[in-house]
Amino acid sequence: MKEIVLSGIVGALLATVLNAGFQLWLEQIRVKADTMIRVVSWADITYALITNLHGQKDGAYTAGKLLLTDDEYRLNSRDIRDRLMQDELGARVALIYGEGEELRRLRELRDEMLNVARALWAANDHKTWPSVSKSVHDSFEKRIDPLRSTLERSLLVQSNLRLIWRSIGLRLTSDPPWRGVSNS
């Protein structure tokens, strides 16, 4: 009789520990998903603000139509500056993901966007505008867009339960990494 009671207690304790561990894992995924959405939202809005700044400068230096009023331009510039100078999102990524690749990519993306914004703010005449505009386009095409895509994909893979299960399945069905390695 004692064995049955003891077996029931051990089973209940084991189930409680496993459930607590599983719930903790699910909560970590939820927090990572929330962080991913914050990063994507930050990148989307910052990207749009910089695009507005570029459109304003392009309109001013190519005799086109100005995109923003002077007050809107000042607000847009202030919003860009505030978004790129604050590191609350970086701190959140560091807490959730650690100080690894995700944080490095986020900081690199922020730095690239800041460099573009500074180049746009410094552009102040018709003669230099074509080279500044080309430089901005090149920065987006060669650095900002790929960085943003890589960062978002990395965060998505760690915050999407379906992708996590697929990754676990691939690990379980593939050969161990030490297989096929010779000791010679």
C-alpha atoms as a PDB file:
ATOM      1  CA  MET A   1       0.000   0.000   0.000  1.00  0.00           C
ATOM      2  CA  LYS A   2       2.860   2.374   0.857  1.00  0.00           C
ATOM      3  CA  GLU A   3       4.393   1.763  -2.566  1.00  0.00           C
ATOM      4  CA  ILE A   4       1.184   2.845  -4.313  1.00  0.00           C
ATOM      5  CA  VAL A   5       0.907   6.059  -2.276  1.00  0.00           C
ATOM      6  CA  LEU A   6       4.607   6.809  -2.737  1.00  0.00           C
ATOM      7  CA  SER A   7       4.314   6.108  -6.466  1.00  0.00           C
ATOM      8  CA  GLY A   8       1.332   8.484  -6.689  1.00  0.00           C
ATOM      9  CA  ILE A   9       3.198  11.224  -4.809  1.00  0.00           C
ATOM     10  CA  VAL A  10       6.304  10.843  -6.988  1.00  0.00           C
ATOM     11  CA  GLY A  11       4.131  10.868 -10.124  1.00  0.00           C
ATOM     12  CA  ALA A  12       2.297  13.993  -8.983  1.00  0.00           C
ATOM     13  CA  LEU A  13       5.557  15.774  -8.133  1.00  0.00           C
ATOM     14  CA  LEU A  14       7.078  14.804 -11.460  1.00  0.00           C
ATOM     15  CA  ALA A  15       3.989  16.000 -13.339  1.00  0.00           C
ATOM     16  CA  THR A  16       4.038  19.282 -11.397  1.00  0.00           C
ATOM     17  CA  VAL A  17       7.712  19.886 -12.187  1.00  0.00           C
ATOM     18  CA  LEU A  18       7.235  19.027 -15.873  1.00  0.00           C
ATOM     19  CA  ASN A  19       4.161  21.256 -16.114  1.00  0.00           C
ATOM     20  CA  ALA A  20       5.971  24.161 -14.434  1.00  0.00           C
ATOM     21  CA  GLY A  21       8.913  23.759 -16.814  1.00  0.00           C
ATOM     22  CA  PHE A  22       6.614  23.615 -19.840  1.00  0.00           C
ATOM     23  CA  GLN A  23       4.678  26.699 -18.675  1.00  0.00           C
ATOM     24  CA  LEU A  24       7.949  28.591 -18.155  1.00  0.00           C
ATOM     25  CA  TRP A  25       9.077  27.627 -21.669  1.00  0.00           C
ATOM     26  CA  LEU A  26       5.763  28.808 -23.151  1.00  0.00           C
ATOM     27  CA  GLU A  27       6.006  32.106 -21.243  1.00  0.00           C
ATOM     28  CA  GLN A  28       9.528  32.651 -22.569  1.00  0.00           C
ATOM     29  CA  ILE A  29       8.232  32.128 -26.110  1.00  0.00           C
ATOM     30  CA  ARG A  30       5.402  34.607 -25.472  1.00  0.00           C
ATOM     31  CA  VAL A  31       7.843  37.224 -24.173  1.00  0.00           C
ATOM     32  CA  LYS A  32      10.123  36.647 -27.176  1.00  0.00           C
ATOM     33  CA  ALA A  33       7.154  37.034 -29.532  1.00  0.00           C
ATOM     34  CA  ASP A  34       6.203  40.308 -27.845  1.00  0.00           C
ATOM     35  CA  THR A  35       9.797  41.542 -28.147  1.00  0.00           C
ATOM     36  CA  MET A  36       9.908  40.544 -31.800  1.00  0.00           C
ATOM     37  CA  ILE A  37       6.744  42.544 -32.506  1.00  0.00           C
ATOM     38  CA  ARG A  38       8.250  45.569 -30.722  1.00  0.00           C
ATOM     39  CA  VAL A  39      11.442  45.321 -32.788  1.00  0.00           C
ATOM     40  CA  VAL A  40       9.513  44.995 -36.063  1.00  0.00           C
ATOM     41  CA  SER A  41       7.265  47.920 -35.122  1.00  0.00           C
ATOM     42  CA  TRP A  42      10.274  50.070 -34.199  1.00  0.00           C
ATOM     43  CA  ALA A  43      12.012  49.195 -37.471  1.00  0.00           C
ATOM     44  CA  ASP A  44       8.853  49.835 -39.552  1.00  0.00           C
ATOM     45  CA  ILE A  45       8.170  53.249 -38.053  1.00  0.00           C
ATOM     46  CA  THR A  46      11.819  54.353 -38.078  1.00  0.00           C
ATOM     47  CA  TYR A  47      12.180  53.208 -41.683  1.00  0.00           C
ATOM     48  CA  ALA A  48       9.071  55.201 -42.684  1.00  0.00           C
ATOM     49  CA  LEU A  49      10.293  58.316 -40.884  1.00  0.00           C
ATOM     50  CA  ILE A  50      13.669  58.159 -42.626  1.00  0.00           C
ATOM     51  CA  THR A  51      11.889  57.616 -45.954  1.00  0.00           C
ATOM     52  CA  ASN A  52       9.834  60.753 -45.258  1.00  0.00           C
ATOM     53  CA  LEU A  53      13.049  62.665 -44.529  1.00  0.00           C
ATOM     54  CA  HIS A  54      14.563  61.426 -47.782  1.00  0.00           C
ATOM     55  CA  GLY A  55      11.411  62.360 -49.710  1.00  0.00           C
ATOM     56  CA  GLN A  56      11.477  65.854 -48.228  1.00  0.00           C
ATOM     57  CA  LYS A  57      15.120  66.388 -49.164  1.00  0.00           C
ATOM     58  CA  ASP A  58      14.563  64.931 -52.621  1.00  0.00           C
ATOM     59  CA  GLY A  59      11.635  67.274 -53.192  1.00  0.00           C
ATOM     60  CA  ALA A  60      13.652  70.251 -52.023  1.00  0.00           C
ATOM     61  CA  TYR A  61      16.731  69.539 -54.170  1.00  0.00           C
ATOM     62  CA  THR A  62      15.171  68.225 -57.377  1.00  0.00           C
ATOM     63  CA  ALA A  63      12.531  70.976 -57.761  1.00  0.00           C
ATOM     64  CA  GLY A  64       9.822  68.506 -56.887  1.00  0.00           C
ATOM     65  CA  LYS A  65       6.980  68.875 -54.451  1.00  0.00           C
ATOM     66  CA  LEU A  66       7.840  69.076 -50.751  1.00  0.00           C
ATOM     67  CA  LEU A  67       6.459  66.149 -48.817  1.00  0.00           C
ATOM     68  CA  LEU A  68       6.264  67.845 -45.406  1.00  0.00           C
ATOM     69  CA  THR A  69       5.641  71.293 -43.987  1.00  0.00           C
ATOM     70  CA  ASP A  70       8.428  72.866 -41.938  1.00  0.00           C
ATOM     71  CA  ASP A  71       6.703  71.855 -38.682  1.00  0.00           C
ATOM     72  CA  GLU A  72       6.155  68.294 -39.924  1.00  0.00           C
ATOM     73  CA  TYR A  73       9.798  68.117 -40.982  1.00  0.00           C
ATOM     74  CA  ARG A  74      10.949  69.211 -37.515  1.00  0.00           C
ATOM     75  CA  LEU A  75       8.633  66.686 -35.822  1.00  0.00           C
ATOM     76  CA  ASN A  76       9.740  63.936 -38.200  1.00  0.00           C
ATOM     77  CA  SER A  77      13.410  64.714 -37.509  1.00  0.00           C
ATOM     78  CA  ARG A  78      12.807  64.778 -33.751  1.00  0.00           C
ATOM     79  CA  ASP A  79      10.984  61.430 -33.909  1.00  0.00           C
ATOM     80  CA  ILE A  80      13.865  59.890 -35.867  1.00  0.00           C
ATOM     81  CA  ARG A  81      16.408  61.254 -33.407  1.00  0.00           C
ATOM     82  CA  ASP A  82      14.417  60.018 -30.405  1.00  0.00           C
ATOM     83  CA  ARG A  83      13.948  56.548 -31.892  1.00  0.00           C
ATOM     84  CA  LEU A  84      17.591  56.152 -32.849  1.00  0.00           C
ATOM     85  CA  MET A  85      19.123  57.572 -29.673  1.00  0.00           C
ATOM     86  CA  GLN A  86      17.069  55.592 -27.139  1.00  0.00           C
ATOM     87  CA  ASP A  87      18.227  52.105 -26.232  1.00  0.00           C
ATOM     88  CA  GLU A  88      15.210  50.779 -24.340  1.00  0.00           C
ATOM     89  CA  LEU A  89      14.563  48.242 -27.099  1.00  0.00           C
ATOM     90  CA  GLY A  90      18.206  47.188 -27.056  1.00  0.00           C
ATOM     91  CA  ALA A  91      18.009  46.630 -23.308  1.00  0.00           C
ATOM     92  CA  ARG A  92      14.870  44.533 -23.761  1.00  0.00           C
ATOM     93  CA  VAL A  93      16.510  42.421 -26.465  1.00  0.00           C
ATOM     94  CA  ALA A  94      19.587  41.963 -24.237  1.00  0.00           C
ATOM     95  CA  LEU A  95      17.405  40.809 -21.323  1.00  0.00           C
ATOM     96  CA  ILE A  96      15.324  38.410 -23.408  1.00  0.00           C
ATOM     97  CA  TYR A  97      17.848  37.058 -25.921  1.00  0.00           C
ATOM     98  CA  GLY A  98      21.145  37.789 -24.203  1.00  0.00           C
ATOM     99  CA  GLU A  99      24.027  39.807 -25.583  1.00  0.00           C
ATOM    100  CA  GLY A 100      24.381  37.726 -28.734  1.00  0.00           C
ATOM    101  CA  GLU A 101      23.658  38.035 -32.426  1.00  0.00           C
ATOM    102  CA  GLU A 102      20.181  39.520 -32.041  1.00  0.00           C
ATOM    103  CA  LEU A 103      21.439  42.443 -29.977  1.00  0.00           C
ATOM    104  CA  ARG A 104      24.416  42.945 -32.290  1.00  0.00           C
ATOM    105  CA  ARG A 105      22.135  43.027 -35.331  1.00  0.00           C
ATOM    106  CA  LEU A 106      19.690  45.436 -33.678  1.00  0.00           C
ATOM    107  CA  ARG A 107      22.496  47.828 -32.730  1.00  0.00           C
ATOM    108  CA  GLU A 108      24.033  47.556 -36.190  1.00  0.00           C
ATOM    109  CA  LEU A 109      20.644  48.302 -37.774  1.00  0.00           C
ATOM    110  CA  ARG A 110      20.156  51.289 -35.490  1.00  0.00           C
ATOM    111  CA  ASP A 111      23.653  52.576 -36.289  1.00  0.00           C
ATOM    112  CA  GLU A 112      23.107  52.221 -40.047  1.00  0.00           C
ATOM    113  CA  MET A 113      19.779  54.064 -39.827  1.00  0.00           C
ATOM    114  CA  LEU A 114      21.421  56.792 -37.747  1.00  0.00           C
ATOM    115  CA  ASN A 115      24.197  57.188 -40.321  1.00  0.00           C
ATOM    116  CA  VAL A 116      21.604  57.572 -43.092  1.00  0.00           C
ATOM    117  CA  ALA A 117      19.606  60.100 -41.074  1.00  0.00           C
ATOM    118  CA  ARG A 118      22.751  62.110 -40.334  1.00  0.00           C
ATOM    119  CA  ALA A 119      23.676  62.128 -44.037  1.00  0.00           C
ATOM    120  CA  LEU A 120      20.183  63.360 -44.880  1.00  0.00           C
ATOM    121  CA  TRP A 121      20.276  66.071 -42.208  1.00  0.00           C
ATOM    122  CA  ALA A 122      23.685  67.219 -43.467  1.00  0.00           C
ATOM    123  CA  ALA A 123      22.554  67.389 -47.117  1.00  0.00           C
ATOM    124  CA  ASN A 124      21.963  71.050 -47.771  1.00  0.00           C
ATOM    125  CA  ASP A 125      22.511  71.887 -51.424  1.00  0.00           C
ATOM    126  CA  HIS A 126      21.529  70.899 -54.969  1.00  0.00           C
ATOM    127  CA  LYS A 127      25.083  69.990 -55.992  1.00  0.00           C
ATOM    128  CA  THR A 128      25.749  67.295 -53.410  1.00  0.00           C
ATOM    129  CA  TRP A 129      22.198  65.926 -53.253  1.00  0.00           C
ATOM    130  CA  PRO A 130      22.536  63.343 -56.081  1.00  0.00           C
ATOM    131  CA  SER A 131      25.518  61.663 -54.379  1.00  0.00           C
ATOM    132  CA  VAL A 132      23.835  61.795 -50.945  1.00  0.00           C
ATOM    133  CA  SER A 133      20.625  60.326 -52.372  1.00  0.00           C
ATOM    134  CA  LYS A 134      22.543  57.520 -54.086  1.00  0.00           C
ATOM    135  CA  SER A 135      24.452  56.807 -50.889  1.00  0.00           C
ATOM    136  CA  VAL A 136      21.169  56.597 -48.950  1.00  0.00           C
ATOM    137  CA  HIS A 137      19.672  54.206 -51.509  1.00  0.00           C
ATOM    138  CA  ASP A 138      22.815  52.067 -51.399  1.00  0.00           C
ATOM    139  CA  SER A 139      22.730  51.972 -47.588  1.00  0.00           C
ATOM    140  CA  PHE A 140      19.142  50.757 -47.594  1.00  0.00           C
ATOM    141  CA  GLU A 141      19.704  48.217 -50.332  1.00  0.00           C
ATOM    142  CA  LYS A 142      23.045  46.796 -49.200  1.00  0.00           C
ATOM    143  CA  ARG A 143      22.982  47.159 -45.423  1.00  0.00           C
ATOM    144  CA  ILE A 144      19.721  48.233 -43.797  1.00  0.00           C
ATOM    145  CA  ASP A 145      17.262  45.987 -45.668  1.00  0.00           C
ATOM    146  CA  PRO A 146      19.397  42.811 -45.333  1.00  0.00           C
ATOM    147  CA  LEU A 147      20.160  43.546 -41.666  1.00  0.00           C
ATOM    148  CA  ARG A 148      16.513  44.157 -40.904  1.00  0.00           C
ATOM    149  CA  SER A 149      15.456  40.972 -42.681  1.00  0.00           C
ATOM    150  CA  THR A 150      18.080  38.852 -40.910  1.00  0.00           C
ATOM    151  CA  LEU A 151      17.226  40.311 -37.496  1.00  0.00           C
ATOM    152  CA  GLU A 152      13.485  39.801 -37.946  1.00  0.00           C
ATOM    153  CA  ARG A 153      13.986  36.220 -39.166  1.00  0.00           C
ATOM    154  CA  SER A 154      16.246  35.412 -36.215  1.00  0.00           C
ATOM    155  CA  LEU A 155      13.710  36.783 -33.735  1.00  0.00           C
ATOM    156  CA  LEU A 156      10.831  35.006 -35.509  1.00  0.00           C
ATOM    157  CA  VAL A 157      12.520  31.611 -35.396  1.00  0.00           C
ATOM    158  CA  GLN A 158      12.936  31.916 -31.622  1.00  0.00           C
ATOM    159  CA  SER A 159       9.419  33.168 -30.932  1.00  0.00           C
ATOM    160  CA  ASN A 160       7.266  30.992 -33.182  1.00  0.00           C
ATOM    161  CA  LEU A 161       6.200  27.724 -31.558  1.00  0.00           C
ATOM    162  CA  ARG A 162       5.691  25.963 -34.892  1.00  0.00           C
ATOM    163  CA  LEU A 163       9.209  26.869 -36.067  1.00  0.00           C
ATOM    164  CA  ILE A 164      10.658  25.784 -32.723  1.00  0.00           C
ATOM    165  CA  TRP A 165       8.944  22.376 -32.988  1.00  0.00           C
ATOM    166  CA  ARG A 166      10.180  22.022 -36.592  1.00  0.00           C
ATOM    167  CA  SER A 167      13.730  22.802 -35.434  1.00  0.00           C
ATOM    168  CA  ILE A 168      13.464  20.214 -32.655  1.00  0.00           C
ATOM    169  CA  GLY A 169      12.141  17.660 -35.153  1.00  0.00           C
ATOM    170  CA  LEU A 170      15.027  18.315 -37.526  1.00  0.00           C
ATOM    171  CA  ARG A 171      17.539  17.869 -34.711  1.00  0.00           C
ATOM    172  CA  LEU A 172      15.935  14.592 -33.640  1.00  0.00           C
ATOM    173  CA  THR A 173      15.842  13.160 -37.153  1.00  0.00           C
ATOM    174  CA  SER A 174      19.281  14.263 -38.342  1.00  0.00           C
ATOM    175  CA  ASP A 175      22.569  12.582 -37.638  1.00  0.00           C
ATOM    176  CA  PRO A 176      24.413  13.791 -34.556  1.00  0.00           C
ATOM    177  CA  PRO A 177      27.113  16.349 -35.331  1.00  0.00           C
ATOM    178  CA  TRP A 178      29.890  14.017 -34.189  1.00  0.00           C
ATOM    179  CA  ARG A 179      28.923  11.357 -36.748  1.00  0.00           C
ATOM    180  CA  GLY A 180      31.156  11.258 -39.763  1.00  0.00           C
ATOM    181  CA  VAL A 181      33.931  13.187 -38.033  1.00  0.00           C
ATOM    182  CA  SER A 182      37.169  11.273 -38.182  1.00  0.00           C
ATOM    183  CA  ASN A 183      39.702  11.379 -35.398  1.00  0.00           C
ATOM    184  CA  SER A 184      42.666  11.173 -37.732  1.00  0.00           C
END
